[in-house]
Amino acid sequence: MIQEWEEGDKIEAITYLSGYYTSADAMAGREALVKLNPARYFIYRSYNGMLNLSASMDEPGAWVDSGQISTVPAMTGTIGQLVVHEAESFWVRPTFSVLNPGKKAGLTVPA
């Protein structure tokens, strides 16, 4: 299955990636300038199957070959949704009897 990437999308890389100065260098796999850590990135630009990944949506980053990216969807949402996402990654379907147990216990999640 081919992943459709769009500028402005957020992805979370789960492996280290080689970063290049140009999309042509990324495509050829030559002269890597930086190693990108597994982290959350914005897609700043997309060109010819190569992606420019950046920590900021407003600034360019490094070019990477999109075929080398292993990702999980960037998570947004409530703590309950995050717990469900993590549990499902281990093939367990959680059940909850309380809608927001963290709020009841006085716990808060930073914005």
Protein backbone atom coordinates (compact mmCIF):
# COMPACT_ATOMS: atom_id res chain seq x y z
CA MET A 1 0.00 0.00 0.00
CA ILE A 2 1.41 3.38 -0.99
CA GLN A 3 1.13 6.08 1.65
CA GLU A 4 -0.34 9.37 0.46
CA TRP A 5 1.58 12.24 2.05
CA GLU A 6 0.50 15.87 1.98
CA GLU A 7 2.29 19.04 3.01
CA GLY A 8 1.34 19.99 6.54
CA ASP A 9 0.63 16.39 7.62
CA LYS A 10 2.15 15.24 10.90
CA ILE A 11 3.89 11.90 11.11
CA GLU A 12 5.72 10.10 13.87
CA ALA A 13 8.83 8.32 12.62
CA ILE A 14 9.56 5.19 14.64
CA THR A 15 13.05 4.60 13.23
CA TYR A 16 16.13 6.74 12.61
CA LEU A 17 16.13 8.40 9.17
CA SER A 18 18.95 9.71 7.01
CA GLY A 19 18.38 13.37 6.12
CA TYR A 20 19.65 14.98 2.90
CA TYR A 21 20.12 18.53 1.61
CA THR A 22 18.09 18.01 -1.59
CA SER A 23 15.31 15.70 -2.73
CA ALA A 24 17.65 14.42 -5.48
CA ASP A 25 20.24 13.42 -2.86
CA ALA A 26 17.51 11.68 -0.84
CA MET A 27 16.33 9.81 -3.93
CA ALA A 28 19.89 8.70 -4.77
CA GLY A 29 20.75 7.99 -1.11
CA ARG A 30 23.97 10.00 -1.37
CA GLU A 31 25.69 12.37 1.05
CA ALA A 32 23.42 12.18 4.08
CA LEU A 33 23.88 15.29 6.21
CA VAL A 34 21.98 14.40 9.34
CA LYS A 35 20.36 11.50 11.15
CA LEU A 36 16.79 12.25 12.21
CA ASN A 37 15.73 10.73 15.51
CA PRO A 38 12.48 8.83 15.90
CA ALA A 39 10.09 11.69 16.65
CA ARG A 40 7.07 13.63 15.45
CA TYR A 41 7.59 15.72 12.29
CA PHE A 42 5.66 17.94 9.93
CA ILE A 43 5.83 17.36 6.20
CA TYR A 44 7.10 20.73 4.98
CA ARG A 45 7.33 19.78 1.29
CA SER A 46 6.81 16.73 -0.90
CA TYR A 47 8.52 16.22 -4.24
CA ASN A 48 8.89 13.17 -6.47
CA GLY A 49 8.27 10.72 -3.61
CA MET A 50 10.71 12.48 -1.29
CA LEU A 51 9.62 14.36 1.83
CA ASN A 52 11.08 17.38 3.59
CA LEU A 53 10.51 16.69 7.30
CA SER A 54 10.70 19.46 9.85
CA ALA A 55 10.04 19.94 13.55
CA SER A 56 8.23 23.16 12.57
CA MET A 57 5.47 23.62 10.02
CA ASP A 58 6.99 27.00 9.06
CA GLU A 59 10.61 26.03 8.38
CA PRO A 60 12.21 23.50 6.02
CA GLY A 61 14.02 20.52 7.45
CA ALA A 62 15.85 17.61 5.86
CA TRP A 63 14.83 15.62 2.79
CA VAL A 64 14.14 11.91 3.31
CA ASP A 65 13.09 9.06 1.06
CA SER A 66 9.44 8.37 1.88
CA GLY A 67 10.01 4.68 1.17
CA GLN A 68 12.33 4.49 4.18
CA ILE A 69 9.83 5.89 6.67
CA SER A 70 8.21 3.64 9.26
CA THR A 71 5.50 5.59 11.01
CA VAL A 72 2.58 5.52 13.32
CA PRO A 73 -0.15 8.14 13.06
CA ALA A 74 0.66 11.28 15.04
CA MET A 75 -1.59 11.16 18.08
CA THR A 76 -3.97 13.88 19.06
CA GLY A 77 -7.00 13.68 21.29
CA THR A 78 -7.89 12.79 24.84
CA ILE A 79 -5.86 10.68 27.22
CA GLY A 80 -8.52 7.99 26.89
CA GLN A 81 -8.01 7.88 23.13
CA LEU A 82 -4.24 7.61 23.65
CA VAL A 83 -4.70 4.71 26.07
CA VAL A 84 -6.98 2.92 23.61
CA HIS A 85 -4.46 3.51 20.78
CA GLU A 86 -1.60 2.06 22.84
CA ALA A 87 -3.66 -0.92 24.00
CA GLU A 88 -4.77 -1.68 20.45
CA SER A 89 -1.13 -1.71 19.34
CA PHE A 90 -0.79 -4.85 21.50
CA TRP A 91 -3.96 -6.41 20.00
CA VAL A 92 -5.98 -5.89 23.15
CA ARG A 93 -9.40 -4.27 23.02
CA PRO A 94 -9.77 -2.38 26.30
CA THR A 95 -13.10 -1.78 27.98
CA PHE A 96 -13.76 1.12 30.32
CA SER A 97 -16.60 1.65 32.74
CA VAL A 98 -15.78 5.32 33.41
CA LEU A 99 -15.62 7.85 30.57
CA ASN A 100 -12.80 9.97 31.98
CA PRO A 101 -11.13 8.36 35.00
CA GLY A 102 -8.25 10.86 35.00
CA LYS A 103 -10.58 13.82 35.53
CA LYS A 104 -12.36 12.08 38.39
CA ALA A 105 -9.01 11.38 40.09
CA GLY A 106 -7.97 15.04 39.71
CA LEU A 107 -5.40 14.31 37.00
CA THR A 108 -4.92 16.73 34.13
CA VAL A 109 -3.20 16.41 30.78
CA PRO A 110 -1.11 19.38 29.60
CA ALA A 111 -2.34 20.97 26.40
